[in-house]
């Protein structure tokens, strides 16, 4: 069954909605830029850290929270680049970035952007810590101009589209792990 709203679509919509101004000049704007808001999501999973890490780095494992026709080009090393491409209804969507930290299976830090929609590149940090019961705790943080702009526009007590998209992806991962346990 074709997913009507996939994780990638939500992320593309978020980046395309960002209003980025490259020529920030006033001291107040520069101060505000240094106090950017971040998106932080914490989730517990009943799988070992390696499985969660692979869901962010290995195309065979990533596919469960993307779509079957998604293409991955990954050079998983510090300074390495990645490109994730998906076509839907005649449109081509490309997400790209560079790996800043790679510490298997506990930490991954990378830039993330969609150049066809915006020059904005946010930074994603994924930390995965084992727990005493064989599961793990995921701490996901997105920071940068893109997410900052989105979060500034939210009304009190509402959830951003980006947060909804990431949680949707995490739900798909978790569902896949539960189904494969059976």
C-alpha atoms as a PDB file:
ATOM      1  CA  UNK A   1       0.000   0.000   0.000  1.00  0.00           C
ATOM      2  CA  UNK A   2       1.407   3.357  -1.017  1.00  0.00           C
ATOM      3  CA  UNK A   3       1.937   5.723   1.901  1.00  0.00           C
ATOM      4  CA  UNK A   4      -0.086   8.881   1.423  1.00  0.00           C
ATOM      5  CA  UNK A   5       2.067  10.967   3.722  1.00  0.00           C
ATOM      6  CA  UNK A   6       5.561   9.605   4.178  1.00  0.00           C
ATOM      7  CA  UNK A   7       8.231  10.877   6.475  1.00  0.00           C
ATOM      8  CA  UNK A   8      10.142  12.394   3.584  1.00  0.00           C
ATOM      9  CA  UNK A   9       7.118  14.352   2.395  1.00  0.00           C
ATOM     10  CA  UNK A  10       6.676  15.911   5.833  1.00  0.00           C
ATOM     11  CA  UNK A  11      10.320  16.887   5.977  1.00  0.00           C
ATOM     12  CA  UNK A  12      10.190  18.380   2.459  1.00  0.00           C
ATOM     13  CA  UNK A  13       7.143  20.445   3.375  1.00  0.00           C
ATOM     14  CA  UNK A  14       8.919  21.735   6.469  1.00  0.00           C
ATOM     15  CA  UNK A  15      12.014  22.829   4.580  1.00  0.00           C
ATOM     16  CA  UNK A  16      10.004  24.408   1.784  1.00  0.00           C
ATOM     17  CA  UNK A  17       8.011  26.433   4.326  1.00  0.00           C
ATOM     18  CA  UNK A  18      11.132  27.970   5.880  1.00  0.00           C
ATOM     19  CA  UNK A  19      11.765  31.642   5.227  1.00  0.00           C
ATOM     20  CA  UNK A  20      15.529  31.998   5.414  1.00  0.00           C
ATOM     21  CA  UNK A  21      17.190  35.412   5.233  1.00  0.00           C
ATOM     22  CA  UNK A  22      20.861  35.115   4.366  1.00  0.00           C
ATOM     23  CA  UNK A  23      21.701  38.770   5.038  1.00  0.00           C
ATOM     24  CA  UNK A  24      21.242  39.093   8.808  1.00  0.00           C
ATOM     25  CA  UNK A  25      22.878  42.351   9.700  1.00  0.00           C
ATOM     26  CA  UNK A  26      21.603  43.874  12.947  1.00  0.00           C
ATOM     27  CA  UNK A  27      23.136  43.028  16.314  1.00  0.00           C
ATOM     28  CA  UNK A  28      19.689  41.974  17.603  1.00  0.00           C
ATOM     29  CA  UNK A  29      19.234  39.490  14.752  1.00  0.00           C
ATOM     30  CA  UNK A  30      22.712  38.071  15.347  1.00  0.00           C
ATOM     31  CA  UNK A  31      21.949  37.714  19.060  1.00  0.00           C
ATOM     32  CA  UNK A  32      18.673  35.942  18.301  1.00  0.00           C
ATOM     33  CA  UNK A  33      20.482  33.634  15.859  1.00  0.00           C
ATOM     34  CA  UNK A  34      22.788  32.491  18.662  1.00  0.00           C
ATOM     35  CA  UNK A  35      19.744  31.662  20.827  1.00  0.00           C
ATOM     36  CA  UNK A  36      18.100  29.323  18.348  1.00  0.00           C
ATOM     37  CA  UNK A  37      15.378  26.983  19.428  1.00  0.00           C
ATOM     38  CA  UNK A  38      15.946  23.294  18.996  1.00  0.00           C
ATOM     39  CA  UNK A  39      13.682  20.336  18.483  1.00  0.00           C
ATOM     40  CA  UNK A  40      14.387  17.603  21.011  1.00  0.00           C
ATOM     41  CA  UNK A  41      12.683  14.222  20.945  1.00  0.00           C
ATOM     42  CA  UNK A  42      13.360  11.431  23.409  1.00  0.00           C
ATOM     43  CA  UNK A  43      12.139   7.924  22.743  1.00  0.00           C
ATOM     44  CA  UNK A  44      12.669   4.532  24.340  1.00  0.00           C
ATOM     45  CA  UNK A  45      12.937   1.452  22.130  1.00  0.00           C
ATOM     46  CA  UNK A  46      12.961  -2.217  23.145  1.00  0.00           C
ATOM     47  CA  UNK A  47      15.888  -3.004  20.822  1.00  0.00           C
ATOM     48  CA  UNK A  48      19.641  -2.751  21.221  1.00  0.00           C
ATOM     49  CA  UNK A  49      21.419   0.503  20.235  1.00  0.00           C
ATOM     50  CA  UNK A  50      22.891  -1.084  17.093  1.00  0.00           C
ATOM     51  CA  UNK A  51      19.418  -1.567  15.552  1.00  0.00           C
ATOM     52  CA  UNK A  52      18.499   2.065  16.112  1.00  0.00           C
ATOM     53  CA  UNK A  53      21.863   3.219  14.771  1.00  0.00           C
ATOM     54  CA  UNK A  54      21.410   1.130  11.621  1.00  0.00           C
ATOM     55  CA  UNK A  55      17.959   2.686  11.091  1.00  0.00           C
ATOM     56  CA  UNK A  56      19.800   5.992  10.550  1.00  0.00           C
ATOM     57  CA  UNK A  57      22.789   4.664   8.592  1.00  0.00           C
ATOM     58  CA  UNK A  58      22.069   1.432   6.685  1.00  0.00           C
ATOM     59  CA  UNK A  59      19.759   1.631   3.629  1.00  0.00           C
ATOM     60  CA  UNK A  60      18.307  -1.864   4.292  1.00  0.00           C
ATOM     61  CA  UNK A  61      17.243  -0.710   7.755  1.00  0.00           C
ATOM     62  CA  UNK A  62      16.364   2.871   6.769  1.00  0.00           C
ATOM     63  CA  UNK A  63      13.834   1.750   4.193  1.00  0.00           C
ATOM     64  CA  UNK A  64      11.284   0.850   6.912  1.00  0.00           C
ATOM     65  CA  UNK A  65      10.716   4.510   7.700  1.00  0.00           C
ATOM     66  CA  UNK A  66      11.097   5.846   4.198  1.00  0.00           C
ATOM     67  CA  UNK A  67       9.441   4.271   1.165  1.00  0.00           C
ATOM     68  CA  UNK A  68      10.434   1.241  -0.917  1.00  0.00           C
ATOM     69  CA  UNK A  69      11.435   3.421  -3.898  1.00  0.00           C
ATOM     70  CA  UNK A  70      13.815   5.631  -1.900  1.00  0.00           C
ATOM     71  CA  UNK A  71      17.455   5.621  -3.033  1.00  0.00           C
ATOM     72  CA  UNK A  72      20.315   6.090  -0.583  1.00  0.00           C
ATOM     73  CA  UNK A  73      23.909   7.141  -1.307  1.00  0.00           C
ATOM     74  CA  UNK A  74      25.786   7.086   2.007  1.00  0.00           C
ATOM     75  CA  UNK A  75      29.462   7.663   2.766  1.00  0.00           C
ATOM     76  CA  UNK A  76      29.295   6.999   6.524  1.00  0.00           C
ATOM     77  CA  UNK A  77      32.421   8.654   7.885  1.00  0.00           C
ATOM     78  CA  UNK A  78      33.269  12.035   9.364  1.00  0.00           C
ATOM     79  CA  UNK A  79      33.248  14.422   6.407  1.00  0.00           C
ATOM     80  CA  UNK A  80      31.359  11.915   4.264  1.00  0.00           C
ATOM     81  CA  UNK A  81      28.267  13.006   2.370  1.00  0.00           C
ATOM     82  CA  UNK A  82      24.863  11.389   2.030  1.00  0.00           C
ATOM     83  CA  UNK A  83      22.039  11.850  -0.434  1.00  0.00           C
ATOM     84  CA  UNK A  84      18.545  10.429  -0.068  1.00  0.00           C
ATOM     85  CA  UNK A  85      16.360  10.621  -3.184  1.00  0.00           C
ATOM     86  CA  UNK A  86      12.729   9.778  -3.679  1.00  0.00           C
ATOM     87  CA  UNK A  87      10.364  10.315  -6.570  1.00  0.00           C
ATOM     88  CA  UNK A  88       6.653  10.700  -6.022  1.00  0.00           C
ATOM     89  CA  UNK A  89       4.006  11.662  -8.556  1.00  0.00           C
ATOM     90  CA  UNK A  90       6.657  12.856 -11.023  1.00  0.00           C
ATOM     91  CA  UNK A  91       8.445  14.994  -8.430  1.00  0.00           C
ATOM     92  CA  UNK A  92      11.984  14.296  -7.313  1.00  0.00           C
ATOM     93  CA  UNK A  93      12.848  15.027  -3.672  1.00  0.00           C
ATOM     94  CA  UNK A  94      16.468  15.152  -2.521  1.00  0.00           C
ATOM     95  CA  UNK A  95      17.776  15.392   1.042  1.00  0.00           C
ATOM     96  CA  UNK A  96      21.508  15.797   1.521  1.00  0.00           C
ATOM     97  CA  UNK A  97      24.119  16.554   4.136  1.00  0.00           C
ATOM     98  CA  UNK A  98      27.486  15.784   5.646  1.00  0.00           C
ATOM     99  CA  UNK A  99      28.437  13.581   8.599  1.00  0.00           C
ATOM    100  CA  UNK A 100      30.059  15.559  11.421  1.00  0.00           C
ATOM    101  CA  UNK A 101      30.387  12.793  14.052  1.00  0.00           C
ATOM    102  CA  UNK A 102      30.113   9.032  13.620  1.00  0.00           C
ATOM    103  CA  UNK A 103      30.416   6.943  16.808  1.00  0.00           C
ATOM    104  CA  UNK A 104      28.859   3.547  16.172  1.00  0.00           C
ATOM    105  CA  UNK A 105      26.403   2.658  17.748  1.00  0.00           C
ATOM    106  CA  UNK A 106      25.941   5.565  20.152  1.00  0.00           C
ATOM    107  CA  UNK A 107      26.135   8.870  18.297  1.00  0.00           C
ATOM    108  CA  UNK A 108      25.563  10.339  14.891  1.00  0.00           C
ATOM    109  CA  UNK A 109      25.713  14.030  14.022  1.00  0.00           C
ATOM    110  CA  UNK A 110      25.090  15.361  10.529  1.00  0.00           C
ATOM    111  CA  UNK A 111      23.839  18.309   8.549  1.00  0.00           C
ATOM    112  CA  UNK A 112      20.505  17.982   6.803  1.00  0.00           C
ATOM    113  CA  UNK A 113      19.012  20.031   4.008  1.00  0.00           C
ATOM    114  CA  UNK A 114      16.885  19.989   0.909  1.00  0.00           C
ATOM    115  CA  UNK A 115      18.633  22.277  -1.582  1.00  0.00           C
ATOM    116  CA  UNK A 116      15.762  22.211  -4.093  1.00  0.00           C
ATOM    117  CA  UNK A 117      13.540  23.896  -1.507  1.00  0.00           C
ATOM    118  CA  UNK A 118      15.846  25.990   0.672  1.00  0.00           C
ATOM    119  CA  UNK A 119      19.522  26.803   1.270  1.00  0.00           C
ATOM    120  CA  UNK A 120      18.987  26.006   4.968  1.00  0.00           C
ATOM    121  CA  UNK A 121      21.071  23.212   6.492  1.00  0.00           C
ATOM    122  CA  UNK A 122      20.086  22.191  10.016  1.00  0.00           C
ATOM    123  CA  UNK A 123      22.173  19.917  12.214  1.00  0.00           C
ATOM    124  CA  UNK A 124      20.813  16.642  13.548  1.00  0.00           C
ATOM    125  CA  UNK A 125      22.305  14.873  16.576  1.00  0.00           C
ATOM    126  CA  UNK A 126      21.244  11.316  17.397  1.00  0.00           C
ATOM    127  CA  UNK A 127      22.413   9.839  20.707  1.00  0.00           C
ATOM    128  CA  UNK A 128      21.584   6.249  21.617  1.00  0.00           C
ATOM    129  CA  UNK A 129      22.203   4.855  25.097  1.00  0.00           C
ATOM    130  CA  UNK A 130      21.663   1.240  26.132  1.00  0.00           C
ATOM    131  CA  UNK A 131      19.472   0.535  29.122  1.00  0.00           C
ATOM    132  CA  UNK A 132      19.739  -2.311  31.630  1.00  0.00           C
ATOM    133  CA  UNK A 133      16.863  -4.262  30.031  1.00  0.00           C
ATOM    134  CA  UNK A 134      18.330  -4.722  26.529  1.00  0.00           C
ATOM    135  CA  UNK A 135      16.616  -1.680  25.048  1.00  0.00           C
ATOM    136  CA  UNK A 136      17.832   1.863  24.526  1.00  0.00           C
ATOM    137  CA  UNK A 137      17.045   5.528  24.893  1.00  0.00           C
ATOM    138  CA  UNK A 138      17.157   7.729  21.779  1.00  0.00           C
ATOM    139  CA  UNK A 139      17.780  11.450  22.132  1.00  0.00           C
ATOM    140  CA  UNK A 140      17.212  13.274  18.855  1.00  0.00           C
ATOM    141  CA  UNK A 141      18.073  16.979  18.507  1.00  0.00           C
ATOM    142  CA  UNK A 142      17.586  19.186  15.445  1.00  0.00           C
ATOM    143  CA  UNK A 143      19.046  22.693  15.546  1.00  0.00           C
ATOM    144  CA  UNK A 144      19.504  25.371  12.920  1.00  0.00           C
ATOM    145  CA  UNK A 145      17.796  28.209  11.103  1.00  0.00           C
ATOM    146  CA  UNK A 146      15.146  25.937   9.538  1.00  0.00           C
ATOM    147  CA  UNK A 147      13.806  24.359  12.714  1.00  0.00           C
ATOM    148  CA  UNK A 148      14.252  27.610  14.641  1.00  0.00           C
ATOM    149  CA  UNK A 149      11.987  29.464  12.187  1.00  0.00           C
ATOM    150  CA  UNK A 150       9.387  26.706  12.339  1.00  0.00           C
ATOM    151  CA  UNK A 151       9.365  26.577  16.145  1.00  0.00           C
ATOM    152  CA  UNK A 152       9.117  30.371  16.452  1.00  0.00           C
ATOM    153  CA  UNK A 153       5.869  30.277  14.473  1.00  0.00           C
ATOM    154  CA  UNK A 154       4.186  27.696  16.730  1.00  0.00           C
ATOM    155  CA  UNK A 155       1.415  28.573  19.111  1.00  0.00           C
ATOM    156  CA  UNK A 156       1.932  27.591  22.747  1.00  0.00           C
ATOM    157  CA  UNK A 157       1.282  23.899  23.323  1.00  0.00           C
ATOM    158  CA  UNK A 158       1.330  22.871  19.642  1.00  0.00           C
ATOM    159  CA  UNK A 159       3.655  20.410  17.932  1.00  0.00           C
ATOM    160  CA  UNK A 160       5.639  21.281  14.821  1.00  0.00           C
ATOM    161  CA  UNK A 161       5.179  19.440  11.537  1.00  0.00           C
ATOM    162  CA  UNK A 162       8.835  18.434  11.723  1.00  0.00           C
ATOM    163  CA  UNK A 163       8.328  16.838  15.149  1.00  0.00           C
ATOM    164  CA  UNK A 164       5.263  15.016  13.818  1.00  0.00           C
ATOM    165  CA  UNK A 165       7.316  13.802  10.855  1.00  0.00           C
ATOM    166  CA  UNK A 166      10.219  12.524  12.924  1.00  0.00           C
ATOM    167  CA  UNK A 167       7.891  10.771  15.380  1.00  0.00           C
ATOM    168  CA  UNK A 168       6.047   9.202  12.453  1.00  0.00           C
ATOM    169  CA  UNK A 169       9.394   7.832  11.241  1.00  0.00           C
ATOM    170  CA  UNK A 170      10.285   6.569  14.728  1.00  0.00           C
ATOM    171  CA  UNK A 171       6.856   4.890  14.972  1.00  0.00           C
ATOM    172  CA  UNK A 172       7.516   3.115  11.654  1.00  0.00           C
ATOM    173  CA  UNK A 173      10.908   1.899  12.928  1.00  0.00           C
ATOM    174  CA  UNK A 174       9.364   0.600  16.142  1.00  0.00           C
ATOM    175  CA  UNK A 175       6.535  -1.124  14.270  1.00  0.00           C
ATOM    176  CA  UNK A 176       9.041  -2.875  11.998  1.00  0.00           C
ATOM    177  CA  UNK A 177      11.113  -4.107  14.936  1.00  0.00           C
ATOM    178  CA  UNK A 178       8.007  -5.477  16.682  1.00  0.00           C
ATOM    179  CA  UNK A 179       6.813  -7.217  13.526  1.00  0.00           C
ATOM    180  CA  UNK A 180      10.235  -8.804  12.949  1.00  0.00           C
ATOM    181  CA  UNK A 181      10.327 -10.110  16.537  1.00  0.00           C
ATOM    182  CA  UNK A 182       7.290 -12.319  15.909  1.00  0.00           C
END
